[in-house]
Amino acid sequence: MIKGYSLLFGFLLVSVVTLAQRDVDKITLNAIQDFEIEQAEASYYKEKKRGTLAINASIIEYRNKYASAYTVFNVTNGDYMLVLNTIAENDGESKYKVFVNGTELALVVNPETEATFNKTQLYLGDVFLTKNDTITISSKAVTNGKIPEKGGTAWSRGRWSSLILYPKGADLKEVLSGVKPYEEENGFLEVEAESYHYKSNNGSPRDWFICSKLEKPPFPEETLTNHSSSASGEAYIEALPDTRVTHNDELIKGENFFPKPGEGGLVSYKVKINTPGIYYVWVRAYSSGSEDNGLHVGVNNEWPESGARIQLCEGKHNWTWSSAQRVPENHCGTPQTILLNFETPGDYIVSFSMREDGFELDKWILVKDKSFIPKSD
């Protein structure tokens, strides 16, 4: 599940997509104009004032059930990144599911908000689309029990306004333009790894998966050990599947080992830097084998040598902080040598790419103070 941040089909005549907007960089499909409402557990109504499809949660039978709408893709075949424009509400964190030809692509959840209505963008993932593919959006009205209403509590309405399709290779700064960044203050920023804004296998056979008490990666349980009980926020991400744990396991470049930064599966985070300059990068990771302890970091799709080969050697079988870079003369890495340079104030995209599968990432820090060392917790 992507933190705030990530069906029942009726028998209806299929309609062809009418594009509400089409420009060089993206395709925008409007919820009201380009999608057909299905007969499902619940039903949408068109909320023209806000430009959304929404669920009338005053109908008790529609509560905590999915409504659905579909469209038929009729543009150029290709790889696309999908972003859903939703309305977060203070009375419940609505859930959204996205399907392509009946196969679930993503389950994402609106972030918590104190505002009555808060425009939000949720990243759904990458997918190859061909003409006549059916794209279905489903959402659920829920309550968080916080807003009293008519002897009970108020419910969100699963509102969403549009689906945006970005062609592969689109600038992530544009893709995440509507996302609220994590903001650096006084030369310091700390982010939970599972709260990423973007995730992709990057065309590799490896991807990042959230691990928590509620979310388990789709791999045999006997091949995984869940460390969420000791992770910050009881959740983390892991590069999977993990086929190289020790030196005796076969090393296959481009499959379970990615020596070049930016080539393996990656996760990205939008950040706002107020105090420009050089920052030290720390990661909190769990290493249980000799070959699952390497990672790369970059910014704005650039992968400087100073962000390559983050290495963990000490603190095996525990969550451990590191800012060490592996070098030929020191395979365990020189402490406090992982650096990123932010030349001017503004928004940036910080990305981590795999070096070795099996890497478990709990959270990460940007800090200007070289003497800073995170507390072991």
Protein backbone atom coordinates (compact mmCIF):
# COMPACT_ATOMS: atom_id res chain seq x y z
CA MET A 1 0.00 0.00 0.00
CA ILE A 2 1.43 3.44 -0.79
CA LYS A 3 1.08 5.76 2.12
CA GLY A 4 -0.45 9.16 1.25
CA TYR A 5 1.35 9.50 0.42
CA SER A 6 -0.06 3.53 -4.31
CA LEU A 7 -14.01 -5.66 -9.17
CA LEU A 8 -17.08 -6.35 -10.11
CA PHE A 9 -17.50 -5.83 -13.80
CA GLY A 10 -20.98 -5.12 -15.11
CA PHE A 11 -22.01 -6.14 -18.62
CA LEU A 12 -22.01 -2.84 -20.49
CA LEU A 13 -21.32 -1.76 -24.05
CA VAL A 14 -17.69 -0.60 -24.25
CA SER A 15 -17.18 3.05 -25.12
CA VAL A 16 -14.09 4.50 -26.75
CA VAL A 17 -11.91 7.01 -24.90
CA THR A 18 -12.52 10.66 -25.74
CA LEU A 19 -9.44 12.55 -24.61
CA ALA A 20 -10.19 15.48 -22.34
CA GLN A 21 -6.60 16.65 -22.82
CA ARG A 22 -3.66 15.50 -24.91
CA ASP A 23 -0.29 17.24 -25.13
CA VAL A 24 3.24 16.20 -25.97
CA ASP A 25 4.13 14.99 -22.50
CA LYS A 26 1.00 13.40 -21.07
CA ILE A 27 -2.52 12.16 -21.62
CA THR A 28 -5.24 13.23 -19.19
CA LEU A 29 -8.43 11.18 -18.96
CA ASN A 30 -11.24 13.04 -17.24
CA ALA A 31 -13.32 11.03 -14.75
CA ILE A 32 -16.66 12.53 -15.76
CA GLN A 33 -16.09 12.80 -19.52
CA ASP A 34 -13.93 9.79 -20.36
CA PHE A 35 -15.13 7.02 -18.02
CA GLU A 36 -18.32 4.95 -17.96
CA ILE A 37 -19.85 4.14 -14.58
CA GLU A 38 -20.29 0.41 -13.92
CA GLN A 39 -22.90 -1.43 -11.93
CA ALA A 40 -20.86 -2.65 -8.97
CA GLU A 41 -21.19 -3.00 -5.17
CA ALA A 42 -21.66 0.77 -4.95
CA SER A 43 -22.27 3.36 -7.64
CA TYR A 44 -20.71 6.69 -8.56
CA TYR A 45 -22.52 9.92 -9.20
CA LYS A 46 -21.07 12.82 -11.20
CA GLU A 47 -20.06 15.66 -8.93
CA LYS A 48 -19.80 18.39 -11.55
CA LYS A 49 -18.94 21.16 -9.06
CA ARG A 50 -15.63 19.48 -8.21
CA GLY A 51 -15.23 17.61 -11.48
CA THR A 52 -15.17 14.21 -9.75
CA LEU A 53 -16.84 10.85 -9.64
CA ALA A 54 -17.97 10.27 -6.06
CA ILE A 55 -19.92 7.77 -3.94
CA ASN A 56 -23.02 8.90 -2.08
CA ALA A 57 -22.03 7.62 1.35
CA SER A 58 -25.35 8.72 2.83
CA ILE A 59 -26.68 5.51 1.23
CA ILE A 60 -25.73 2.96 3.88
CA GLU A 61 -25.51 0.14 1.34
CA TYR A 62 -22.73 2.04 -0.48
CA ARG A 63 -20.49 2.43 2.55
CA ASN A 64 -17.20 0.56 2.66
CA LYS A 65 -17.86 -0.86 -0.81
CA TYR A 66 -16.23 -0.21 -4.16
CA ALA A 67 -17.74 1.79 -6.99
CA SER A 68 -16.18 1.42 -10.44
CA ALA A 69 -15.80 3.22 -13.76
CA TYR A 70 -13.95 2.15 -16.89
CA THR A 71 -12.57 3.49 -20.13
CA VAL A 72 -11.07 1.92 -23.24
CA PHE A 73 -7.58 3.03 -24.16
CA ASN A 74 -7.42 4.23 -27.76
CA VAL A 75 -4.12 6.09 -28.05
CA THR A 76 -0.55 5.04 -28.91
CA ASN A 77 0.70 1.70 -27.62
CA GLY A 78 3.53 2.05 -25.14
CA ASP A 79 4.84 2.19 -21.60
CA TYR A 80 3.12 4.69 -19.33
CA MET A 81 3.39 5.90 -15.75
CA LEU A 82 -0.05 6.32 -14.21
CA VAL A 83 -1.04 9.00 -11.69
CA LEU A 84 -4.53 9.34 -10.19
CA ASN A 85 -5.89 12.75 -9.16
CA THR A 86 -8.07 12.31 -6.08
CA ILE A 87 -9.67 14.37 -3.34
CA ALA A 88 -8.43 13.53 0.17
CA GLU A 89 -11.01 14.16 2.89
CA ASN A 90 -10.79 14.64 6.65
CA ASP A 91 -13.52 12.12 7.46
CA GLY A 92 -11.88 9.05 5.89
CA GLU A 93 -8.91 7.87 3.83
CA SER A 94 -10.53 6.45 0.71
CA LYS A 95 -8.98 3.46 -1.05
CA TYR A 96 -8.51 3.20 -4.81
CA LYS A 97 -7.89 0.19 -7.03
CA VAL A 98 -6.75 0.33 -10.64
CA PHE A 99 -7.21 -2.54 -13.10
CA VAL A 100 -6.02 -3.11 -16.66
CA ASN A 101 -8.07 -5.76 -18.48
CA GLY A 102 -9.33 -7.03 -15.13
CA THR A 103 -5.87 -7.45 -13.57
CA GLU A 104 -5.18 -5.31 -10.52
CA LEU A 105 -2.33 -2.88 -11.11
CA ALA A 106 -2.36 -0.93 -7.85
CA LEU A 107 -4.07 -0.36 -4.52
CA VAL A 108 -3.48 3.12 -3.12
CA VAL A 109 -4.86 5.13 -0.23
CA ASN A 110 -5.50 8.83 0.25
CA PRO A 111 -3.32 10.50 2.88
CA GLU A 112 -4.75 11.80 6.12
CA THR A 113 -5.70 15.47 5.95
CA GLU A 114 -7.15 18.09 8.25
CA ALA A 115 -8.69 19.93 5.30
CA THR A 116 -12.26 19.16 4.29
CA PHE A 117 -11.13 18.65 0.71
CA ASN A 118 -7.51 18.35 -0.39
CA LYS A 119 -6.46 17.74 -4.01
CA THR A 120 -4.04 14.80 -4.04
CA GLN A 121 -2.02 12.82 -6.58
CA LEU A 122 -1.41 9.10 -6.09
CA TYR A 123 1.20 7.21 -8.13
CA LEU A 124 -0.19 3.93 -9.50
CA GLY A 125 2.78 2.32 -11.23
CA ASP A 126 4.11 1.63 -14.71
CA VAL A 127 2.23 -0.36 -17.31
CA PHE A 128 2.40 -1.18 -21.03
CA LEU A 129 -0.88 -0.21 -22.69
CA THR A 130 -2.18 -1.19 -26.10
CA LYS A 131 -5.22 0.01 -27.99
CA ASN A 132 -8.52 -1.40 -26.70
CA ASP A 133 -7.13 -2.15 -23.24
CA THR A 134 -9.78 -1.55 -20.58
CA ILE A 135 -8.72 0.63 -17.64
CA THR A 136 -10.94 0.47 -14.57
CA ILE A 137 -10.80 2.77 -11.53
CA SER A 138 -12.54 1.66 -8.34
CA SER A 139 -12.78 3.52 -5.05
CA LYS A 140 -14.30 2.96 -1.64
CA ALA A 141 -16.11 5.28 0.77
CA VAL A 142 -14.71 4.87 4.29
CA THR A 143 -14.83 6.55 7.69
CA ASN A 144 -12.02 7.22 10.14
CA GLY A 145 -14.47 7.83 12.98
CA LYS A 146 -13.19 11.35 13.62
CA ILE A 147 -16.06 13.54 12.37
CA PRO A 148 -19.42 13.17 14.19
CA GLU A 149 -22.47 13.20 11.93
CA LYS A 150 -26.14 12.35 12.52
CA GLY A 151 -25.50 10.11 15.51
CA GLY A 152 -22.60 8.38 13.78
CA THR A 153 -19.51 9.54 11.91
CA ALA A 154 -18.98 11.15 8.52
CA TRP A 155 -17.69 9.15 5.53
CA SER A 156 -15.40 10.04 2.67
CA ARG A 157 -16.78 9.59 -0.85
CA GLY A 158 -13.91 8.04 -2.82
CA ARG A 159 -13.65 11.11 -5.02
CA TRP A 160 -11.33 11.24 -8.04
CA SER A 161 -11.14 13.62 -10.96
CA SER A 162 -8.73 12.26 -13.58
CA LEU A 163 -6.16 9.68 -14.58
CA ILE A 164 -2.89 10.98 -16.05
CA LEU A 165 -0.71 8.83 -18.32
CA TYR A 166 2.92 9.88 -18.73
CA PRO A 167 4.95 8.22 -21.51
CA LYS A 168 7.97 6.23 -20.35
CA GLY A 169 10.95 8.47 -19.78
CA ALA A 170 8.87 11.46 -18.69
CA ASP A 171 10.56 13.82 -16.26
CA LEU A 172 9.71 12.70 -12.72
CA LYS A 173 9.64 16.34 -11.61
CA GLU A 174 6.68 16.80 -13.95
CA VAL A 175 5.04 13.51 -12.98
CA LEU A 176 5.21 14.49 -9.32
CA SER A 177 4.42 18.17 -9.88
CA GLY A 178 1.23 17.97 -7.83
CA VAL A 179 2.77 15.98 -4.96
CA LYS A 180 3.55 17.70 -1.68
CA PRO A 181 7.31 17.34 -1.08
CA TYR A 182 9.12 16.30 2.06
CA GLU A 183 10.65 19.54 3.29
CA GLU A 184 14.16 20.06 4.63
CA GLU A 185 14.37 22.29 7.69
CA ASN A 186 17.56 23.67 9.22
CA GLY A 187 19.72 21.37 7.11
CA PHE A 188 17.92 18.16 8.06
CA LEU A 189 15.34 15.83 6.50
CA GLU A 190 14.25 12.33 7.54
CA VAL A 191 11.86 10.20 5.44
CA GLU A 192 10.27 6.77 5.91
CA ALA A 193 11.35 4.55 3.02
CA GLU A 194 7.89 3.04 2.48
CA SER A 195 6.43 6.55 2.00
CA TYR A 196 7.82 6.90 -1.51
CA HIS A 197 6.21 9.01 -4.21
CA TYR A 198 7.26 6.82 -7.14
CA LYS A 199 8.38 3.22 -7.60
CA SER A 200 9.47 1.23 -10.65
CA ASN A 201 11.26 -2.01 -11.48
CA ASN A 202 13.03 0.17 -14.05
CA GLY A 203 12.82 -2.57 -16.67
CA SER A 204 14.68 -5.02 -14.42
CA PRO A 205 13.50 -8.34 -12.92
CA ARG A 206 13.61 -6.82 -9.42
CA ASP A 207 11.28 -4.40 -7.64
CA TRP A 208 10.78 -2.79 -4.25
CA PHE A 209 8.01 -4.19 -2.04
CA ILE A 210 6.53 -2.85 1.18
CA CYS A 211 6.86 -5.18 4.16
CA SER A 212 4.69 -4.70 7.24
CA LYS A 213 2.39 -6.69 9.50
CA LEU A 214 -0.46 -6.14 7.04
CA GLU A 215 1.40 -6.14 3.73
CA LYS A 216 3.46 -9.11 2.63
CA PRO A 217 5.31 -9.33 -0.69
CA PRO A 218 3.94 -11.90 -3.20
CA PHE A 219 6.67 -14.47 -2.63
CA PRO A 220 6.72 -17.75 -0.65
CA GLU A 221 6.82 -16.98 3.06
CA GLU A 222 9.62 -19.47 3.64
CA THR A 223 11.89 -17.33 1.42
CA LEU A 224 11.33 -14.15 3.45
CA THR A 225 11.85 -12.97 7.01
CA ASN A 226 9.65 -10.06 8.03
CA HIS A 227 11.50 -7.48 10.15
CA SER A 228 8.65 -4.97 10.40
CA SER A 229 8.15 -5.37 14.15
CA SER A 230 11.46 -3.58 14.77
CA ALA A 231 11.27 -1.17 11.83
CA SER A 232 10.38 2.48 12.21
CA GLY A 233 6.62 2.76 11.74
CA GLU A 234 6.56 -1.06 11.59
CA ALA A 235 7.11 -0.97 7.82
CA TYR A 236 10.00 -0.93 5.35
CA ILE A 237 10.78 -1.77 1.71
CA GLU A 238 12.84 -4.66 0.34
CA ALA A 239 14.39 -5.36 -3.08
CA LEU A 240 12.85 -8.66 -4.21
CA PRO A 241 13.04 -11.46 -5.10
CA ASP A 242 16.27 -12.13 -3.22
CA THR A 243 18.34 -14.82 -4.94
CA ARG A 244 21.86 -13.84 -3.89
CA VAL A 245 22.34 -13.94 -0.13
CA THR A 246 25.90 -15.29 0.20
CA HIS A 247 29.05 -15.47 -1.92
CA ASN A 248 28.09 -19.03 -2.89
CA ASP A 249 24.94 -17.82 -4.68
CA GLU A 250 25.30 -17.02 -8.37
CA LEU A 251 25.90 -13.36 -9.22
CA ILE A 252 23.98 -12.28 -12.31
CA LYS A 253 24.51 -8.68 -13.41
CA GLY A 254 21.28 -6.99 -14.35
CA GLU A 255 19.24 -9.53 -12.41
CA ASN A 256 20.37 -9.74 -8.77
CA PHE A 257 23.30 -7.33 -8.93
CA PHE A 258 23.35 -3.82 -10.39
CA PRO A 259 26.82 -2.26 -10.25
CA LYS A 260 25.80 0.80 -12.28
CA PRO A 261 23.62 3.29 -10.34
CA GLY A 262 20.14 3.89 -11.71
CA GLU A 263 19.77 0.56 -13.53
CA GLY A 264 17.99 -1.59 -10.94
CA GLY A 265 14.54 -1.13 -9.42
CA LEU A 266 14.16 2.29 -7.88
CA VAL A 267 12.10 4.36 -5.46
CA SER A 268 11.85 8.15 -5.59
CA TYR A 269 10.87 10.92 -3.20
CA LYS A 270 10.05 14.55 -3.93
CA VAL A 271 11.88 16.85 -1.51
CA LYS A 272 12.03 20.59 -0.98
CA ILE A 273 15.46 21.99 -0.14
CA ASN A 274 15.42 25.36 1.61
CA THR A 275 19.11 25.42 2.53
CA PRO A 276 21.19 24.48 -0.53
CA GLY A 277 24.59 22.85 -0.34
CA ILE A 278 26.20 19.46 0.22
CA TYR A 279 24.21 16.92 2.25
CA TYR A 280 25.33 13.65 3.80
CA VAL A 281 22.99 10.74 3.07
CA TRP A 282 22.29 8.16 5.78
CA VAL A 283 20.21 5.01 5.32
CA ARG A 284 18.75 2.73 7.98
CA ALA A 285 18.90 -0.82 6.68
CA TYR A 286 18.71 -4.45 7.78
CA SER A 287 21.40 -6.79 6.48
CA SER A 288 21.15 -10.51 7.15
CA GLY A 289 23.52 -11.82 4.46
CA SER A 290 26.87 -10.89 3.00
CA GLU A 291 25.35 -10.01 -0.38
CA ASP A 292 22.29 -7.93 0.45
CA ASN A 293 23.91 -4.77 1.73
CA GLY A 294 24.45 -2.42 -1.24
CA LEU A 295 22.46 0.56 -2.57
CA HIS A 296 22.84 3.68 -4.78
CA VAL A 297 21.37 7.18 -4.38
CA GLY A 298 20.93 9.97 -6.94
CA VAL A 299 19.03 13.18 -7.54
CA ASN A 300 16.95 14.39 -10.51
CA ASN A 301 17.80 11.24 -12.46
CA GLU A 302 21.52 11.93 -12.13
CA TRP A 303 23.70 9.42 -10.33
CA PRO A 304 26.90 11.06 -9.03
CA GLU A 305 29.86 8.95 -7.96
CA SER A 306 29.41 10.39 -4.46
CA GLY A 307 26.06 8.56 -4.17
CA ALA A 308 27.18 5.18 -5.49
CA ARG A 309 27.70 1.97 -3.52
CA ILE A 310 26.23 2.70 -0.11
CA GLN A 311 27.54 -0.21 1.96
CA LEU A 312 26.60 -1.91 5.23
CA CYS A 313 28.96 -4.34 6.94
CA GLU A 314 28.50 -3.81 10.66
CA GLY A 315 25.31 -4.41 12.59
CA LYS A 316 24.21 -7.61 10.88
CA HIS A 317 20.73 -8.85 11.83
CA ASN A 318 19.78 -5.42 13.18
CA TRP A 319 18.52 -2.15 11.78
CA THR A 320 21.72 -0.18 11.27
CA TRP A 321 22.56 3.31 9.99
CA SER A 322 25.24 3.81 7.35
CA SER A 323 26.65 6.63 5.23
CA ALA A 324 29.64 4.62 4.02
CA GLN A 325 30.75 4.18 0.41
CA ARG A 326 32.31 0.94 -0.76
CA VAL A 327 35.68 1.55 -2.46
CA PRO A 328 38.35 -0.89 -3.76
CA GLU A 329 40.62 -0.37 -0.77
CA ASN A 330 37.75 -0.69 1.75
CA HIS A 331 34.85 -2.96 0.83
CA CYS A 332 33.00 -2.09 4.03
CA GLY A 333 33.09 1.55 3.07
CA THR A 334 34.50 4.78 4.40
CA PRO A 335 32.10 6.34 6.91
CA GLN A 336 30.24 9.57 6.04
CA THR A 337 31.20 9.67 2.37
CA ILE A 338 27.78 9.38 0.67
CA LEU A 339 27.00 12.91 -0.55
CA LEU A 340 24.44 14.77 -2.67
CA ASN A 341 24.80 18.39 -3.77
CA PHE A 342 21.74 20.65 -3.99
CA GLU A 343 22.98 23.82 -5.67
CA THR A 344 19.90 26.01 -5.25
CA PRO A 345 16.73 26.07 -3.12
CA GLY A 346 13.76 24.27 -4.65
CA ASP A 347 12.17 20.91 -5.37
CA TYR A 348 14.26 17.85 -6.21
CA ILE A 349 13.65 14.14 -6.79
CA VAL A 350 15.84 11.91 -4.60
CA SER A 351 16.00 8.31 -5.85
CA PHE A 352 17.47 5.08 -4.53
CA SER A 353 18.31 2.27 -6.94
CA MET A 354 19.24 -1.32 -6.11
CA ARG A 355 22.81 -2.54 -6.07
CA GLU A 356 22.00 -5.94 -4.57
CA ASP A 357 18.68 -7.71 -4.23
CA GLY A 358 17.50 -8.44 -0.71
CA PHE A 359 18.36 -4.93 0.51
CA GLU A 360 15.94 -3.80 3.24
CA LEU A 361 15.49 -0.03 3.62
CA ASP A 362 13.64 1.45 6.61
CA LYS A 363 14.27 5.21 6.34
CA TRP A 364 16.82 7.72 5.14
CA ILE A 365 18.25 11.08 6.17
CA LEU A 366 19.71 14.15 4.45
CA VAL A 367 21.87 16.27 6.78
CA LYS A 368 24.34 19.11 6.22
CA ASP A 369 26.23 18.54 9.47
CA LYS A 370 29.10 16.12 8.79
CA SER A 371 29.44 15.37 12.52
CA PHE A 372 25.84 14.19 12.77
CA ILE A 373 25.43 10.48 13.50
CA PRO A 374 21.89 9.02 13.79
CA LYS A 375 20.98 7.38 17.06
CA SER A 376 20.72 3.61 17.05
CA ASP A 377 17.07 2.80 17.75
